[in-house]
């Protein structure tokens, strides 16, 4: 069986903090694009995602939170894959799902990377933003499940049609400045209440911790990495996504 059509349809939903509730504003999506036709059993063609704005680059989103497959039987049938995830600021754009599966794999899974156009410079702290992408797949595809990967996690949907989700990170660090950093396995700083602490285990993405005596051997930009600058007492005195 062959996937005869692969359309990339994307939308960006800006939202507030995951803990405070989400209020979304949709960004105008790009026009759908027809992917090149594929040989028999070749599966989706990698590179069929939405184009990136000039001066940006595609990069995996920070975290994927849910995957859904919606099935329509009208007009020959169509499966629509819907993924939602989180990025670190509203400077991200053009979210899309990029197939990395060629043909029908041994496990029957369709593997996708959830990407968006990453900002070109560091972003200040703020609440996570919600992004969403849709990928229609023609009726008769060979896949038994869907796996969507972000930069730092993956969500697998094993029942089609169906829905799968995971809990978002506990801490978006939007209000980290002035609080005290507690490293994993370390005792809490003396005299600090729990509400004034940022615990490393609540930050499941790459961290760069810079203490007063630390050098910086490399400053290569990484849009999904959180940098925390600490005082001698462990207080967070500066921070950014970079």
C-alpha atoms as a PDB file:
ATOM      1  CA  UNK A   1       0.000   0.000   0.000  1.00  0.00           C
ATOM      2  CA  UNK A   2       1.215   3.520  -0.800  1.00  0.00           C
ATOM      3  CA  UNK A   3       0.709   6.964   0.639  1.00  0.00           C
ATOM      4  CA  UNK A   4      -0.339   8.813  -2.518  1.00  0.00           C
ATOM      5  CA  UNK A   5      -0.619  12.251  -1.011  1.00  0.00           C
ATOM      6  CA  UNK A   6       1.138  14.041   1.791  1.00  0.00           C
ATOM      7  CA  UNK A   7       0.002  17.573   2.593  1.00  0.00           C
ATOM      8  CA  UNK A   8       1.696  19.789   5.157  1.00  0.00           C
ATOM      9  CA  UNK A   9      -0.716  21.959   7.117  1.00  0.00           C
ATOM     10  CA  UNK A  10       0.473  23.936  10.077  1.00  0.00           C
ATOM     11  CA  UNK A  11      -0.839  26.351  12.610  1.00  0.00           C
ATOM     12  CA  UNK A  12       0.713  28.189  15.521  1.00  0.00           C
ATOM     13  CA  UNK A  13      -1.245  28.611  18.711  1.00  0.00           C
ATOM     14  CA  UNK A  14       0.091  31.079  21.237  1.00  0.00           C
ATOM     15  CA  UNK A  15      -0.880  30.270  24.793  1.00  0.00           C
ATOM     16  CA  UNK A  16      -0.234  31.315  28.348  1.00  0.00           C
ATOM     17  CA  UNK A  17       1.371  29.249  31.058  1.00  0.00           C
ATOM     18  CA  UNK A  18       0.396  25.602  31.074  1.00  0.00           C
ATOM     19  CA  UNK A  19      -0.280  25.845  34.789  1.00  0.00           C
ATOM     20  CA  UNK A  20      -2.432  28.936  34.490  1.00  0.00           C
ATOM     21  CA  UNK A  21      -4.494  27.660  31.543  1.00  0.00           C
ATOM     22  CA  UNK A  22      -4.124  28.099  27.820  1.00  0.00           C
ATOM     23  CA  UNK A  23      -5.620  30.944  25.787  1.00  0.00           C
ATOM     24  CA  UNK A  24      -4.703  30.587  22.137  1.00  0.00           C
ATOM     25  CA  UNK A  25      -4.348  32.915  19.188  1.00  0.00           C
ATOM     26  CA  UNK A  26      -3.993  31.168  15.859  1.00  0.00           C
ATOM     27  CA  UNK A  27      -1.371  32.332  13.374  1.00  0.00           C
ATOM     28  CA  UNK A  28      -2.306  32.356   9.699  1.00  0.00           C
ATOM     29  CA  UNK A  29      -1.003  29.028   8.296  1.00  0.00           C
ATOM     30  CA  UNK A  30       0.940  28.761   5.044  1.00  0.00           C
ATOM     31  CA  UNK A  31      -0.758  27.427   1.924  1.00  0.00           C
ATOM     32  CA  UNK A  32      -0.810  23.599   1.821  1.00  0.00           C
ATOM     33  CA  UNK A  33       1.947  22.085  -0.304  1.00  0.00           C
ATOM     34  CA  UNK A  34       1.836  18.935  -2.386  1.00  0.00           C
ATOM     35  CA  UNK A  35       4.708  16.612  -1.585  1.00  0.00           C
ATOM     36  CA  UNK A  36       6.496  14.861  -4.456  1.00  0.00           C
ATOM     37  CA  UNK A  37       4.975  11.533  -5.426  1.00  0.00           C
ATOM     38  CA  UNK A  38       6.706   8.507  -3.943  1.00  0.00           C
ATOM     39  CA  UNK A  39       7.427   5.063  -5.344  1.00  0.00           C
ATOM     40  CA  UNK A  40       5.416   2.099  -4.177  1.00  0.00           C
ATOM     41  CA  UNK A  41       5.702   1.472  -0.418  1.00  0.00           C
ATOM     42  CA  UNK A  42       8.142   4.368  -0.060  1.00  0.00           C
ATOM     43  CA  UNK A  43       5.986   6.065   2.570  1.00  0.00           C
ATOM     44  CA  UNK A  44       6.030   9.817   3.324  1.00  0.00           C
ATOM     45  CA  UNK A  45       8.867  11.817   1.810  1.00  0.00           C
ATOM     46  CA  UNK A  46      11.254  13.469   4.314  1.00  0.00           C
ATOM     47  CA  UNK A  47      11.532  17.205   3.830  1.00  0.00           C
ATOM     48  CA  UNK A  48       7.847  17.699   3.064  1.00  0.00           C
ATOM     49  CA  UNK A  49       7.277  20.179   5.920  1.00  0.00           C
ATOM     50  CA  UNK A  50       6.429  23.843   5.658  1.00  0.00           C
ATOM     51  CA  UNK A  51       9.216  26.208   4.532  1.00  0.00           C
ATOM     52  CA  UNK A  52      11.030  28.326   7.114  1.00  0.00           C
ATOM     53  CA  UNK A  53      10.941  32.123   6.962  1.00  0.00           C
ATOM     54  CA  UNK A  54      14.108  33.716   5.615  1.00  0.00           C
ATOM     55  CA  UNK A  55      16.865  33.954   8.227  1.00  0.00           C
ATOM     56  CA  UNK A  56      15.489  31.153  10.431  1.00  0.00           C
ATOM     57  CA  UNK A  57      16.116  27.426  10.535  1.00  0.00           C
ATOM     58  CA  UNK A  58      13.921  24.414  11.273  1.00  0.00           C
ATOM     59  CA  UNK A  59      14.530  23.005  14.735  1.00  0.00           C
ATOM     60  CA  UNK A  60      12.676  20.401  16.837  1.00  0.00           C
ATOM     61  CA  UNK A  61      10.167  21.970  19.232  1.00  0.00           C
ATOM     62  CA  UNK A  62      11.078  21.718  22.884  1.00  0.00           C
ATOM     63  CA  UNK A  63       8.361  19.285  24.038  1.00  0.00           C
ATOM     64  CA  UNK A  64       5.523  17.326  22.420  1.00  0.00           C
ATOM     65  CA  UNK A  65       2.436  16.993  24.622  1.00  0.00           C
ATOM     66  CA  UNK A  66      -0.135  15.097  22.529  1.00  0.00           C
ATOM     67  CA  UNK A  67      -0.735  13.138  19.331  1.00  0.00           C
ATOM     68  CA  UNK A  68      -4.136  12.454  17.800  1.00  0.00           C
ATOM     69  CA  UNK A  69      -5.282  10.689  14.647  1.00  0.00           C
ATOM     70  CA  UNK A  70      -8.677  11.736  13.274  1.00  0.00           C
ATOM     71  CA  UNK A  71     -10.212   9.508  10.571  1.00  0.00           C
ATOM     72  CA  UNK A  72     -12.628  10.682   7.891  1.00  0.00           C
ATOM     73  CA  UNK A  73     -14.401   8.290   5.533  1.00  0.00           C
ATOM     74  CA  UNK A  74     -15.660  11.025   3.197  1.00  0.00           C
ATOM     75  CA  UNK A  75     -14.394  11.506  -0.383  1.00  0.00           C
ATOM     76  CA  UNK A  76     -12.249   8.392  -0.397  1.00  0.00           C
ATOM     77  CA  UNK A  77     -11.091   8.643   3.202  1.00  0.00           C
ATOM     78  CA  UNK A  78      -8.336  10.582   4.959  1.00  0.00           C
ATOM     79  CA  UNK A  79      -6.398  10.288   8.215  1.00  0.00           C
ATOM     80  CA  UNK A  80      -5.366  13.563   9.853  1.00  0.00           C
ATOM     81  CA  UNK A  81      -2.485  13.515  12.345  1.00  0.00           C
ATOM     82  CA  UNK A  82      -2.691  16.328  14.891  1.00  0.00           C
ATOM     83  CA  UNK A  83       0.218  17.056  17.239  1.00  0.00           C
ATOM     84  CA  UNK A  84       0.545  19.690  19.939  1.00  0.00           C
ATOM     85  CA  UNK A  85       3.697  20.772  21.700  1.00  0.00           C
ATOM     86  CA  UNK A  86       5.536  23.552  23.522  1.00  0.00           C
ATOM     87  CA  UNK A  87       8.141  26.093  22.459  1.00  0.00           C
ATOM     88  CA  UNK A  88      10.021  28.593  24.574  1.00  0.00           C
ATOM     89  CA  UNK A  89       8.660  31.853  23.116  1.00  0.00           C
ATOM     90  CA  UNK A  90       6.368  33.336  20.480  1.00  0.00           C
ATOM     91  CA  UNK A  91       9.410  33.951  18.255  1.00  0.00           C
ATOM     92  CA  UNK A  92       8.972  30.402  16.932  1.00  0.00           C
ATOM     93  CA  UNK A  93       6.906  29.939  13.766  1.00  0.00           C
ATOM     94  CA  UNK A  94       5.869  27.616  10.914  1.00  0.00           C
ATOM     95  CA  UNK A  95       5.278  24.439  13.016  1.00  0.00           C
ATOM     96  CA  UNK A  96       5.161  21.262  10.929  1.00  0.00           C
ATOM     97  CA  UNK A  97       5.482  17.481  11.115  1.00  0.00           C
ATOM     98  CA  UNK A  98       8.415  16.009   9.188  1.00  0.00           C
ATOM     99  CA  UNK A  99       8.156  12.277   8.278  1.00  0.00           C
ATOM    100  CA  UNK A 100      11.358  10.290   8.831  1.00  0.00           C
ATOM    101  CA  UNK A 101       9.824   6.880   8.019  1.00  0.00           C
ATOM    102  CA  UNK A 102      10.455   5.463   4.543  1.00  0.00           C
ATOM    103  CA  UNK A 103       7.881   2.873   3.507  1.00  0.00           C
ATOM    104  CA  UNK A 104       6.464   0.452   6.035  1.00  0.00           C
ATOM    105  CA  UNK A 105       8.806  -0.192   8.934  1.00  0.00           C
ATOM    106  CA  UNK A 106       9.109  -3.520  10.726  1.00  0.00           C
ATOM    107  CA  UNK A 107       7.104  -2.213  13.695  1.00  0.00           C
ATOM    108  CA  UNK A 108       4.441  -0.530  11.524  1.00  0.00           C
ATOM    109  CA  UNK A 109       5.071   2.890  13.107  1.00  0.00           C
ATOM    110  CA  UNK A 110       5.084   6.216  11.275  1.00  0.00           C
ATOM    111  CA  UNK A 111       7.854   8.321  12.835  1.00  0.00           C
ATOM    112  CA  UNK A 112       7.576  12.103  12.696  1.00  0.00           C
ATOM    113  CA  UNK A 113       9.690  14.989  13.982  1.00  0.00           C
ATOM    114  CA  UNK A 114       7.749  17.998  15.286  1.00  0.00           C
ATOM    115  CA  UNK A 115       9.666  21.028  14.034  1.00  0.00           C
ATOM    116  CA  UNK A 116       9.240  24.786  13.811  1.00  0.00           C
ATOM    117  CA  UNK A 117      11.295  27.762  12.667  1.00  0.00           C
ATOM    118  CA  UNK A 118      13.540  28.612  15.608  1.00  0.00           C
ATOM    119  CA  UNK A 119      14.352  32.191  16.646  1.00  0.00           C
ATOM    120  CA  UNK A 120      17.768  33.421  15.569  1.00  0.00           C
ATOM    121  CA  UNK A 121      18.743  34.923  18.921  1.00  0.00           C
ATOM    122  CA  UNK A 122      18.293  34.289  22.632  1.00  0.00           C
ATOM    123  CA  UNK A 123      14.818  34.673  24.104  1.00  0.00           C
ATOM    124  CA  UNK A 124      13.972  36.065  27.551  1.00  0.00           C
ATOM    125  CA  UNK A 125      12.115  34.046  30.146  1.00  0.00           C
ATOM    126  CA  UNK A 126       8.374  33.719  29.703  1.00  0.00           C
ATOM    127  CA  UNK A 127       5.588  31.134  29.692  1.00  0.00           C
ATOM    128  CA  UNK A 128       5.753  28.265  27.236  1.00  0.00           C
ATOM    129  CA  UNK A 129       3.835  28.773  24.003  1.00  0.00           C
ATOM    130  CA  UNK A 130       1.630  26.068  22.497  1.00  0.00           C
ATOM    131  CA  UNK A 131       2.190  25.049  18.865  1.00  0.00           C
ATOM    132  CA  UNK A 132       0.076  22.729  16.753  1.00  0.00           C
ATOM    133  CA  UNK A 133       0.617  20.954  13.428  1.00  0.00           C
ATOM    134  CA  UNK A 134      -1.637  18.862  11.179  1.00  0.00           C
ATOM    135  CA  UNK A 135      -0.522  16.261   8.662  1.00  0.00           C
ATOM    136  CA  UNK A 136      -3.192  14.660   6.428  1.00  0.00           C
ATOM    137  CA  UNK A 137      -2.339  11.179   5.087  1.00  0.00           C
ATOM    138  CA  UNK A 138      -4.305   9.463   2.322  1.00  0.00           C
ATOM    139  CA  UNK A 139      -6.574   6.514   3.039  1.00  0.00           C
ATOM    140  CA  UNK A 140      -4.968   3.070   2.776  1.00  0.00           C
ATOM    141  CA  UNK A 141      -1.619   3.836   4.435  1.00  0.00           C
ATOM    142  CA  UNK A 142       0.191   0.879   6.036  1.00  0.00           C
ATOM    143  CA  UNK A 143       0.857   2.367   9.461  1.00  0.00           C
ATOM    144  CA  UNK A 144      -0.359   0.849  12.724  1.00  0.00           C
ATOM    145  CA  UNK A 145       0.789   3.640  15.009  1.00  0.00           C
ATOM    146  CA  UNK A 146       2.207   7.174  15.103  1.00  0.00           C
ATOM    147  CA  UNK A 147       5.275   8.368  17.016  1.00  0.00           C
ATOM    148  CA  UNK A 148       5.965  12.121  17.213  1.00  0.00           C
ATOM    149  CA  UNK A 149       9.353  13.282  18.484  1.00  0.00           C
ATOM    150  CA  UNK A 150      10.343  16.687  19.838  1.00  0.00           C
ATOM    151  CA  UNK A 151      13.839  17.767  20.806  1.00  0.00           C
ATOM    152  CA  UNK A 152      13.570  16.122  24.233  1.00  0.00           C
ATOM    153  CA  UNK A 153      10.693  13.633  24.352  1.00  0.00           C
ATOM    154  CA  UNK A 154       8.408  11.506  22.186  1.00  0.00           C
ATOM    155  CA  UNK A 155       4.714  10.561  22.314  1.00  0.00           C
ATOM    156  CA  UNK A 156       3.484   7.328  20.736  1.00  0.00           C
ATOM    157  CA  UNK A 157      -0.064   6.647  19.581  1.00  0.00           C
ATOM    158  CA  UNK A 158      -0.653   2.891  19.212  1.00  0.00           C
ATOM    159  CA  UNK A 159      -4.394   2.841  18.466  1.00  0.00           C
ATOM    160  CA  UNK A 160      -5.657   4.385  15.212  1.00  0.00           C
ATOM    161  CA  UNK A 161      -7.747   6.466  15.319  1.00  0.00           C
ATOM    162  CA  UNK A 162      -7.009   7.605  18.850  1.00  0.00           C
ATOM    163  CA  UNK A 163      -5.356  10.089  21.185  1.00  0.00           C
ATOM    164  CA  UNK A 164      -2.252  10.018  23.417  1.00  0.00           C
ATOM    165  CA  UNK A 165      -0.808  12.710  25.671  1.00  0.00           C
ATOM    166  CA  UNK A 166       1.808  13.297  28.359  1.00  0.00           C
ATOM    167  CA  UNK A 167       2.041  15.855  31.158  1.00  0.00           C
ATOM    168  CA  UNK A 168       3.936  19.056  30.290  1.00  0.00           C
ATOM    169  CA  UNK A 169       7.010  20.071  32.306  1.00  0.00           C
ATOM    170  CA  UNK A 170       6.188  21.329  35.788  1.00  0.00           C
ATOM    171  CA  UNK A 171       8.321  24.460  35.488  1.00  0.00           C
ATOM    172  CA  UNK A 172       8.528  26.888  32.550  1.00  0.00           C
ATOM    173  CA  UNK A 173      10.893  29.163  34.502  1.00  0.00           C
ATOM    174  CA  UNK A 174       8.885  32.255  33.566  1.00  0.00           C
ATOM    175  CA  UNK A 175       9.246  33.438  37.178  1.00  0.00           C
ATOM    176  CA  UNK A 176      12.675  31.976  37.961  1.00  0.00           C
ATOM    177  CA  UNK A 177      14.557  35.234  38.418  1.00  0.00           C
ATOM    178  CA  UNK A 178      15.290  35.935  42.060  1.00  0.00           C
ATOM    179  CA  UNK A 179      14.553  32.381  43.169  1.00  0.00           C
ATOM    180  CA  UNK A 180      17.153  29.852  44.336  1.00  0.00           C
ATOM    181  CA  UNK A 181      18.355  26.894  42.289  1.00  0.00           C
ATOM    182  CA  UNK A 182      18.291  23.449  43.912  1.00  0.00           C
ATOM    183  CA  UNK A 183      20.435  20.905  42.061  1.00  0.00           C
ATOM    184  CA  UNK A 184      19.179  17.338  41.752  1.00  0.00           C
ATOM    185  CA  UNK A 185      20.037  15.380  44.897  1.00  0.00           C
ATOM    186  CA  UNK A 186      21.246  18.493  46.751  1.00  0.00           C
ATOM    187  CA  UNK A 187      19.799  19.958  49.919  1.00  0.00           C
ATOM    188  CA  UNK A 188      17.633  23.042  49.600  1.00  0.00           C
ATOM    189  CA  UNK A 189      19.412  26.336  50.302  1.00  0.00           C
ATOM    190  CA  UNK A 190      19.106  27.188  53.979  1.00  0.00           C
ATOM    191  CA  UNK A 191      16.220  29.425  54.974  1.00  0.00           C
ATOM    192  CA  UNK A 192      14.405  29.263  51.629  1.00  0.00           C
ATOM    193  CA  UNK A 193      10.749  28.247  51.395  1.00  0.00           C
ATOM    194  CA  UNK A 194       9.681  25.680  48.797  1.00  0.00           C
ATOM    195  CA  UNK A 195       7.945  28.380  46.754  1.00  0.00           C
ATOM    196  CA  UNK A 196      11.236  30.255  46.395  1.00  0.00           C
ATOM    197  CA  UNK A 197      13.107  27.284  44.902  1.00  0.00           C
ATOM    198  CA  UNK A 198      13.639  26.102  41.327  1.00  0.00           C
ATOM    199  CA  UNK A 199      14.303  22.365  41.407  1.00  0.00           C
ATOM    200  CA  UNK A 200      16.482  20.851  38.694  1.00  0.00           C
ATOM    201  CA  UNK A 201      14.242  17.768  38.386  1.00  0.00           C
ATOM    202  CA  UNK A 202      11.331  20.040  37.373  1.00  0.00           C
ATOM    203  CA  UNK A 203      13.343  21.281  34.372  1.00  0.00           C
ATOM    204  CA  UNK A 204      13.454  18.275  31.966  1.00  0.00           C
ATOM    205  CA  UNK A 205      15.295  20.098  29.177  1.00  0.00           C
ATOM    206  CA  UNK A 206      18.990  20.941  28.741  1.00  0.00           C
ATOM    207  CA  UNK A 207      20.328  23.341  31.328  1.00  0.00           C
ATOM    208  CA  UNK A 208      23.453  25.457  31.392  1.00  0.00           C
ATOM    209  CA  UNK A 209      24.228  26.493  34.952  1.00  0.00           C
ATOM    210  CA  UNK A 210      26.777  29.305  35.256  1.00  0.00           C
ATOM    211  CA  UNK A 211      28.169  29.894  38.739  1.00  0.00           C
ATOM    212  CA  UNK A 212      30.363  32.851  39.768  1.00  0.00           C
ATOM    213  CA  UNK A 213      33.596  30.850  39.361  1.00  0.00           C
ATOM    214  CA  UNK A 214      32.642  29.141  36.056  1.00  0.00           C
ATOM    215  CA  UNK A 215      34.113  29.957  32.692  1.00  0.00           C
ATOM    216  CA  UNK A 216      32.145  29.571  29.433  1.00  0.00           C
ATOM    217  CA  UNK A 217      34.161  27.370  27.043  1.00  0.00           C
ATOM    218  CA  UNK A 218      31.536  27.545  24.289  1.00  0.00           C
ATOM    219  CA  UNK A 219      28.618  29.851  23.573  1.00  0.00           C
ATOM    220  CA  UNK A 220      27.012  28.013  20.678  1.00  0.00           C
ATOM    221  CA  UNK A 221      23.347  28.971  20.384  1.00  0.00           C
ATOM    222  CA  UNK A 222      20.789  26.274  21.330  1.00  0.00           C
ATOM    223  CA  UNK A 223      17.170  27.584  21.264  1.00  0.00           C
ATOM    224  CA  UNK A 224      15.813  24.860  23.553  1.00  0.00           C
ATOM    225  CA  UNK A 225      18.471  25.244  26.254  1.00  0.00           C
ATOM    226  CA  UNK A 226      17.847  27.210  29.444  1.00  0.00           C
ATOM    227  CA  UNK A 227      20.814  29.148  30.839  1.00  0.00           C
ATOM    228  CA  UNK A 228      20.708  30.096  34.524  1.00  0.00           C
ATOM    229  CA  UNK A 229      23.300  32.459  36.010  1.00  0.00           C
ATOM    230  CA  UNK A 230      23.690  31.961  39.765  1.00  0.00           C
ATOM    231  CA  UNK A 231      25.044  34.122  42.556  1.00  0.00           C
ATOM    232  CA  UNK A 232      27.386  32.722  45.197  1.00  0.00           C
ATOM    233  CA  UNK A 233      24.320  31.945  47.329  1.00  0.00           C
ATOM    234  CA  UNK A 234      22.660  30.030  44.483  1.00  0.00           C
ATOM    235  CA  UNK A 235      20.151  32.748  43.580  1.00  0.00           C
ATOM    236  CA  UNK A 236      19.150  33.009  39.912  1.00  0.00           C
ATOM    237  CA  UNK A 237      20.312  36.497  38.884  1.00  0.00           C
ATOM    238  CA  UNK A 238      20.019  36.134  35.103  1.00  0.00           C
ATOM    239  CA  UNK A 239      18.473  33.631  32.674  1.00  0.00           C
ATOM    240  CA  UNK A 240      17.532  33.153  29.010  1.00  0.00           C
ATOM    241  CA  UNK A 241      16.694  30.510  26.420  1.00  0.00           C
ATOM    242  CA  UNK A 242      19.941  30.282  24.428  1.00  0.00           C
END
